[in-house]
């Protein structure tokens, strides 16, 4: 089995029907159910949300700036690492992601390359 990284963009639950705490909790339950199912199947490696703030290092001079600064829908909001037998299976796994209930929700599926040292 290969390992895949799912990167989540867009889909701010605070915009759901006024962003009520109940709606946000309901949305979080969808995430927990989805990830719990992957855990039960032995396919979940790990997952975490990310803060919207950070630092960016750039170029040979290693210039450090605050960031990332981009549109919210472009910013990576979290990730999930999973095991799958193929890209097709990883894409099928990603179709269950709760971020896709949002019009601007995006899941990027990337295979993790094994580093040979």
Protein backbone atom coordinates (compact mmCIF):
# COMPACT_ATOMS: atom_id res chain seq x y z
CA UNK A 1 0.00 0.00 0.00
CA UNK A 2 1.17 3.48 -0.80
CA UNK A 3 0.75 6.53 1.42
CA UNK A 4 -1.18 9.59 0.29
CA UNK A 5 -1.52 13.11 1.63
CA UNK A 6 -4.89 14.82 1.33
CA UNK A 7 -4.63 18.62 1.57
CA UNK A 8 -7.78 20.56 2.43
CA UNK A 9 -8.57 24.04 1.09
CA UNK A 10 -11.61 26.32 1.42
CA UNK A 11 -14.78 25.29 3.17
CA UNK A 12 -14.99 27.58 6.20
CA UNK A 13 -17.61 26.09 8.59
CA UNK A 14 -18.07 29.48 10.28
CA UNK A 15 -19.95 30.59 7.14
CA UNK A 16 -22.54 27.81 7.48
CA UNK A 17 -25.99 29.23 8.16
CA UNK A 18 -24.64 32.08 10.24
CA UNK A 19 -21.83 29.97 11.68
CA UNK A 20 -23.81 28.88 14.74
CA UNK A 21 -21.89 26.76 17.27
CA UNK A 22 -24.40 23.96 16.67
CA UNK A 23 -23.74 23.91 12.92
CA UNK A 24 -19.99 23.98 13.47
CA UNK A 25 -20.26 21.08 15.96
CA UNK A 26 -22.41 19.17 13.48
CA UNK A 27 -19.77 19.71 10.81
CA UNK A 28 -17.00 18.51 13.14
CA UNK A 29 -18.99 15.33 13.80
CA UNK A 30 -18.92 14.63 10.04
CA UNK A 31 -15.13 14.90 10.11
CA UNK A 32 -14.85 12.60 13.13
CA UNK A 33 -17.12 10.01 11.52
CA UNK A 34 -15.19 10.08 8.24
CA UNK A 35 -11.78 9.84 9.93
CA UNK A 36 -13.07 7.22 12.38
CA UNK A 37 -14.12 5.03 9.45
CA UNK A 38 -10.64 5.33 7.94
CA UNK A 39 -9.12 4.48 11.33
CA UNK A 40 -11.28 1.34 11.59
CA UNK A 41 -10.10 0.25 8.13
CA UNK A 42 -6.46 0.76 9.11
CA UNK A 43 -6.04 3.44 6.44
CA UNK A 44 -5.64 6.56 8.61
CA UNK A 45 -2.04 7.54 9.32
CA UNK A 46 -2.76 10.95 10.86
CA UNK A 47 -4.63 14.21 10.40
CA UNK A 48 -4.55 17.73 11.83
CA UNK A 49 -6.04 21.15 11.12
CA UNK A 50 -3.62 24.02 10.55
CA UNK A 51 -3.63 27.57 11.89
CA UNK A 52 -4.06 30.25 9.23
CA UNK A 53 -0.87 32.02 10.35
CA UNK A 54 2.72 31.01 9.78
CA UNK A 55 6.11 31.97 8.42
CA UNK A 56 7.45 31.65 4.89
CA UNK A 57 11.14 31.19 4.06
CA UNK A 58 12.16 32.01 0.53
CA UNK A 59 15.19 31.67 -1.67
CA UNK A 60 18.89 31.31 -1.12
CA UNK A 61 18.93 34.26 1.31
CA UNK A 62 16.28 32.50 3.39
CA UNK A 63 14.18 35.66 3.72
CA UNK A 64 11.53 35.11 6.39
CA UNK A 65 8.12 36.75 6.09
CA UNK A 66 4.80 36.36 7.84
CA UNK A 67 2.34 34.37 5.85
CA UNK A 68 1.00 32.64 3.97
CA UNK A 69 -0.99 35.49 2.47
CA UNK A 70 -3.42 34.27 -0.14
CA UNK A 71 -7.14 33.92 -0.61
CA UNK A 72 -8.73 31.70 2.01
CA UNK A 73 -9.84 29.15 -0.57
CA UNK A 74 -6.21 28.71 -1.67
CA UNK A 75 -4.76 28.27 1.83
CA UNK A 76 -4.17 24.75 3.13
CA UNK A 77 -6.41 24.43 6.19
CA UNK A 78 -5.41 20.92 7.20
CA UNK A 79 -4.19 17.56 6.05
CA UNK A 80 -4.81 13.85 6.36
CA UNK A 81 -2.31 11.11 5.60
CA UNK A 82 -3.75 7.74 4.60
CA UNK A 83 -2.87 4.40 3.07
CA UNK A 84 -4.42 3.26 -0.21
CA UNK A 85 -3.62 0.65 -2.83
CA UNK A 86 -3.78 3.18 -5.70
CA UNK A 87 -4.47 6.79 -6.66
CA UNK A 88 -8.00 5.71 -7.56
CA UNK A 89 -8.59 4.37 -4.06
CA UNK A 90 -7.08 7.52 -2.50
CA UNK A 91 -9.41 9.66 -4.63
CA UNK A 92 -12.37 7.51 -3.54
CA UNK A 93 -11.33 8.06 0.09
CA UNK A 94 -11.15 11.81 -0.51
CA UNK A 95 -14.71 11.88 -1.89
CA UNK A 96 -15.99 11.29 1.66
CA UNK A 97 -14.25 14.40 2.99
CA UNK A 98 -16.73 16.78 4.70
CA UNK A 99 -15.01 19.84 3.20
CA UNK A 100 -16.65 18.92 -0.10
CA UNK A 101 -20.08 19.99 1.19
CA UNK A 102 -18.86 23.54 0.54
CA UNK A 103 -18.88 24.98 -2.97
CA UNK A 104 -15.27 26.16 -2.49
CA UNK A 105 -14.10 22.99 -0.69
CA UNK A 106 -11.05 21.38 -2.26
CA UNK A 107 -9.17 18.16 -1.52
CA UNK A 108 -5.80 17.76 -3.21
CA UNK A 109 -4.61 14.13 -3.32
CA UNK A 110 -0.85 13.59 -3.48
CA UNK A 111 1.12 10.36 -3.25
CA UNK A 112 3.91 10.50 -0.69
CA UNK A 113 7.18 9.53 -2.30
CA UNK A 114 9.42 7.25 -0.28
CA UNK A 115 12.71 8.96 0.54
CA UNK A 116 15.67 6.66 -0.10
CA UNK A 117 18.60 7.55 2.12
